[in-house]
Amino acid sequence: MRQFRDRSIIARGVHPLVRRIVDERRRHQVAWADLGARAGVSVTTMHNWRTGRQRPKLDELEAVLNVLDLKLVVRSASVGE
């Protein structure tokens, strides 16, 4: 496992789920390379998410969230109104 160093820069307007991934990665102290290897997502792809060059595809997002012990849940917008 690589040494954890936090130098992540997040662009304005980045999707909220990407921000959550960055926060959780910091909390778990997982290097981007390790996270990507375990999720099967390239470091370049995750970098592009953070810089706003691309948005995560659902399968990639789910894979990264699973590594961070998170789950993507879809619920009705009318819940809680």
N, C-alpha and C. Protein backbone atom coordinates (compact mmCIF):
# COMPACT_ATOMS: atom_id res chain seq x y z
N MET A 1 0.84 -1.18 0.00
CA MET A 1 0.00 0.00 0.00
C MET A 1 0.89 1.25 0.00
N ARG A 2 0.49 2.24 -0.77
CA ARG A 2 1.25 3.48 -0.87
C ARG A 2 1.05 4.36 0.36
N GLN A 3 2.00 5.19 0.62
CA GLN A 3 1.88 6.15 1.71
C GLN A 3 0.80 7.16 1.35
N PHE A 4 -0.04 7.48 2.30
CA PHE A 4 -1.13 8.43 2.06
C PHE A 4 -0.60 9.85 2.10
N ARG A 5 -0.81 10.58 1.01
CA ARG A 5 -0.50 12.01 0.94
C ARG A 5 -1.72 12.69 0.34
N ASP A 6 -2.13 13.75 0.94
CA ASP A 6 -3.34 14.42 0.46
C ASP A 6 -2.98 15.71 -0.24
N ARG A 7 -3.03 15.68 -1.56
CA ARG A 7 -2.78 16.87 -2.37
C ARG A 7 -3.93 17.09 -3.35
N SER A 8 -5.07 16.53 -3.04
CA SER A 8 -6.20 16.58 -3.96
C SER A 8 -6.71 18.00 -4.14
N ILE A 9 -6.88 18.36 -5.39
CA ILE A 9 -7.49 19.64 -5.74
C ILE A 9 -8.81 19.32 -6.42
N ILE A 10 -9.86 19.99 -5.97
CA ILE A 10 -11.18 19.75 -6.53
C ILE A 10 -11.65 21.04 -7.21
N ALA A 11 -12.04 20.93 -8.46
CA ALA A 11 -12.50 22.09 -9.22
C ALA A 11 -13.89 22.51 -8.74
N ARG A 12 -14.21 23.75 -8.98
CA ARG A 12 -15.57 24.24 -8.70
C ARG A 12 -16.55 23.54 -9.62
N GLY A 13 -17.75 23.34 -9.13
CA GLY A 13 -18.79 22.75 -9.96
C GLY A 13 -18.69 21.25 -10.13
N VAL A 14 -17.80 20.61 -9.39
CA VAL A 14 -17.65 19.16 -9.49
C VAL A 14 -18.87 18.50 -8.83
N HIS A 15 -19.28 17.39 -9.39
CA HIS A 15 -20.46 16.67 -8.91
C HIS A 15 -20.32 16.39 -7.41
N PRO A 16 -21.40 16.53 -6.64
CA PRO A 16 -21.35 16.29 -5.19
C PRO A 16 -20.89 14.89 -4.80
N LEU A 17 -21.18 13.90 -5.62
CA LEU A 17 -20.71 12.55 -5.30
C LEU A 17 -19.19 12.45 -5.41
N VAL A 18 -18.62 13.19 -6.32
CA VAL A 18 -17.16 13.20 -6.44
C VAL A 18 -16.55 13.86 -5.20
N ARG A 19 -17.16 14.93 -4.74
CA ARG A 19 -16.69 15.56 -3.49
C ARG A 19 -16.75 14.58 -2.33
N ARG A 20 -17.80 13.80 -2.27
CA ARG A 20 -17.95 12.81 -1.20
C ARG A 20 -16.86 11.74 -1.29
N ILE A 21 -16.56 11.32 -2.52
CA ILE A 21 -15.49 10.33 -2.71
C ILE A 21 -14.16 10.89 -2.21
N VAL A 22 -13.88 12.15 -2.53
CA VAL A 22 -12.63 12.78 -2.08
C VAL A 22 -12.59 12.81 -0.55
N ASP A 23 -13.69 13.22 0.07
CA ASP A 23 -13.75 13.28 1.54
C ASP A 23 -13.56 11.90 2.17
N GLU A 24 -14.23 10.90 1.63
CA GLU A 24 -14.13 9.54 2.18
C GLU A 24 -12.75 8.95 1.96
N ARG A 25 -12.16 9.24 0.81
CA ARG A 25 -10.80 8.75 0.55
C ARG A 25 -9.84 9.32 1.58
N ARG A 26 -10.00 10.60 1.89
CA ARG A 26 -9.17 11.23 2.92
C ARG A 26 -9.39 10.57 4.27
N ARG A 27 -10.66 10.34 4.60
CA ARG A 27 -11.01 9.74 5.90
C ARG A 27 -10.40 8.35 6.03
N HIS A 28 -10.43 7.58 4.96
CA HIS A 28 -9.87 6.22 4.96
C HIS A 28 -8.36 6.22 4.73
N GLN A 29 -7.80 7.38 4.38
CA GLN A 29 -6.38 7.53 4.08
C GLN A 29 -5.91 6.51 3.04
N VAL A 30 -6.59 6.52 1.91
CA VAL A 30 -6.29 5.63 0.80
C VAL A 30 -5.71 6.47 -0.34
N ALA A 31 -4.61 6.04 -0.89
CA ALA A 31 -4.01 6.73 -2.03
C ALA A 31 -4.89 6.54 -3.26
N TRP A 32 -4.87 7.52 -4.15
CA TRP A 32 -5.67 7.42 -5.38
C TRP A 32 -5.33 6.17 -6.17
N ALA A 33 -4.05 5.85 -6.26
CA ALA A 33 -3.62 4.67 -7.01
C ALA A 33 -4.18 3.39 -6.40
N ASP A 34 -4.18 3.30 -5.07
CA ASP A 34 -4.73 2.12 -4.40
C ASP A 34 -6.25 2.04 -4.58
N LEU A 35 -6.92 3.16 -4.44
CA LEU A 35 -8.36 3.20 -4.63
C LEU A 35 -8.72 2.76 -6.05
N GLY A 36 -8.02 3.31 -7.02
CA GLY A 36 -8.28 2.96 -8.41
C GLY A 36 -8.01 1.49 -8.70
N ALA A 37 -6.91 0.97 -8.17
CA ALA A 37 -6.58 -0.43 -8.39
C ALA A 37 -7.64 -1.36 -7.80
N ARG A 38 -8.08 -1.03 -6.61
CA ARG A 38 -9.09 -1.87 -5.94
C ARG A 38 -10.45 -1.76 -6.61
N ALA A 39 -10.75 -0.60 -7.19
CA ALA A 39 -12.06 -0.38 -7.83
C ALA A 39 -12.05 -0.72 -9.31
N GLY A 40 -10.87 -0.85 -9.89
CA GLY A 40 -10.79 -1.10 -11.32
C GLY A 40 -11.05 0.15 -12.15
N VAL A 41 -10.73 1.31 -11.58
CA VAL A 41 -10.92 2.60 -12.26
C VAL A 41 -9.55 3.28 -12.32
N SER A 42 -9.22 3.82 -13.48
CA SER A 42 -7.89 4.42 -13.62
C SER A 42 -7.76 5.72 -12.81
N VAL A 43 -6.53 5.99 -12.39
CA VAL A 43 -6.24 7.22 -11.66
C VAL A 43 -6.56 8.43 -12.54
N THR A 44 -6.29 8.31 -13.83
CA THR A 44 -6.59 9.41 -14.76
C THR A 44 -8.09 9.70 -14.79
N THR A 45 -8.89 8.66 -14.81
CA THR A 45 -10.35 8.85 -14.80
C THR A 45 -10.80 9.58 -13.55
N MET A 46 -10.29 9.16 -12.39
CA MET A 46 -10.68 9.82 -11.14
C MET A 46 -10.17 11.25 -11.09
N HIS A 47 -8.99 11.49 -11.66
CA HIS A 47 -8.47 12.85 -11.76
C HIS A 47 -9.42 13.71 -12.61
N ASN A 48 -9.88 13.16 -13.71
CA ASN A 48 -10.80 13.89 -14.57
C ASN A 48 -12.12 14.20 -13.87
N TRP A 49 -12.56 13.33 -12.98
CA TRP A 49 -13.74 13.63 -12.18
C TRP A 49 -13.50 14.85 -11.30
N ARG A 50 -12.34 14.86 -10.64
CA ARG A 50 -12.02 15.95 -9.70
C ARG A 50 -11.80 17.28 -10.39
N THR A 51 -11.35 17.25 -11.61
CA THR A 51 -11.10 18.50 -12.34
C THR A 51 -12.30 18.93 -13.15
N GLY A 52 -13.35 18.12 -13.18
CA GLY A 52 -14.56 18.46 -13.91
C GLY A 52 -14.49 18.15 -15.40
N ARG A 53 -13.44 17.47 -15.83
CA ARG A 53 -13.32 17.13 -17.26
C ARG A 53 -14.32 16.06 -17.67
N GLN A 54 -14.69 15.22 -16.74
CA GLN A 54 -15.71 14.22 -17.03
C GLN A 54 -16.44 13.88 -15.75
N ARG A 55 -17.64 13.35 -15.91
CA ARG A 55 -18.42 12.89 -14.77
C ARG A 55 -18.32 11.38 -14.67
N PRO A 56 -18.47 10.85 -13.46
CA PRO A 56 -18.34 9.40 -13.30
C PRO A 56 -19.46 8.64 -14.01
N LYS A 57 -19.09 7.52 -14.62
CA LYS A 57 -20.08 6.59 -15.14
C LYS A 57 -20.59 5.80 -13.95
N LEU A 58 -21.82 5.35 -14.04
CA LEU A 58 -22.45 4.68 -12.91
C LEU A 58 -21.66 3.47 -12.43
N ASP A 59 -21.18 2.64 -13.34
CA ASP A 59 -20.45 1.44 -12.91
C ASP A 59 -19.12 1.79 -12.22
N GLU A 60 -18.45 2.83 -12.71
CA GLU A 60 -17.20 3.27 -12.08
C GLU A 60 -17.47 3.88 -10.70
N LEU A 61 -18.51 4.68 -10.64
CA LEU A 61 -18.90 5.32 -9.38
C LEU A 61 -19.21 4.26 -8.32
N GLU A 62 -20.00 3.28 -8.72
CA GLU A 62 -20.36 2.22 -7.78
C GLU A 62 -19.14 1.44 -7.30
N ALA A 63 -18.22 1.16 -8.19
CA ALA A 63 -17.01 0.42 -7.83
C ALA A 63 -16.18 1.18 -6.80
N VAL A 64 -16.00 2.48 -7.02
CA VAL A 64 -15.22 3.30 -6.08
C VAL A 64 -15.95 3.41 -4.75
N LEU A 65 -17.25 3.62 -4.78
CA LEU A 65 -18.02 3.71 -3.53
C LEU A 65 -17.94 2.41 -2.74
N ASN A 66 -17.98 1.28 -3.43
CA ASN A 66 -17.87 -0.01 -2.74
C ASN A 66 -16.54 -0.16 -2.01
N VAL A 67 -15.47 0.27 -2.63
CA VAL A 67 -14.15 0.21 -1.99
C VAL A 67 -14.13 1.06 -0.72
N LEU A 68 -14.83 2.18 -0.76
CA LEU A 68 -14.88 3.09 0.39
C LEU A 68 -15.99 2.72 1.37
N ASP A 69 -16.60 1.54 1.16
CA ASP A 69 -17.66 1.04 2.03
C ASP A 69 -18.87 1.96 2.04
N LEU A 70 -19.20 2.50 0.87
CA LEU A 70 -20.39 3.33 0.69
C LEU A 70 -21.30 2.68 -0.33
N LYS A 71 -22.58 3.05 -0.29
CA LYS A 71 -23.54 2.48 -1.20
C LYS A 71 -24.35 3.60 -1.84
N LEU A 72 -24.56 3.50 -3.14
CA LEU A 72 -25.38 4.46 -3.87
C LEU A 72 -26.82 4.02 -3.75
N VAL A 73 -27.68 4.91 -3.25
CA VAL A 73 -29.09 4.58 -3.05
C VAL A 73 -29.93 5.57 -3.85
N VAL A 74 -30.90 5.04 -4.58
CA VAL A 74 -31.82 5.88 -5.34
C VAL A 74 -33.17 5.80 -4.65
N ARG A 75 -33.76 6.96 -4.40
CA ARG A 75 -35.06 6.97 -3.74
C ARG A 75 -35.96 8.00 -4.41
N SER A 76 -37.20 7.88 -4.18
CA SER A 76 -38.18 8.78 -4.77
C SER A 76 -37.95 10.20 -4.28
N ALA A 77 -38.08 11.14 -5.18
CA ALA A 77 -37.92 12.55 -4.79
C ALA A 77 -39.02 13.01 -3.86
N SER A 78 -40.15 12.32 -3.84
CA SER A 78 -41.26 12.72 -3.00
C SER A 78 -41.13 12.23 -1.56
N VAL A 79 -40.13 11.40 -1.27
CA VAL A 79 -39.91 10.93 0.09
C VAL A 79 -39.51 12.09 0.98
N GLY A 80 -40.20 12.23 2.09
CA GLY A 80 -39.85 13.28 3.04
C GLY A 80 -40.50 14.62 2.76
N GLU A 81 -41.34 14.70 1.76
CA GLU A 81 -42.02 15.99 1.50
C GLU A 81 -43.22 16.14 2.36
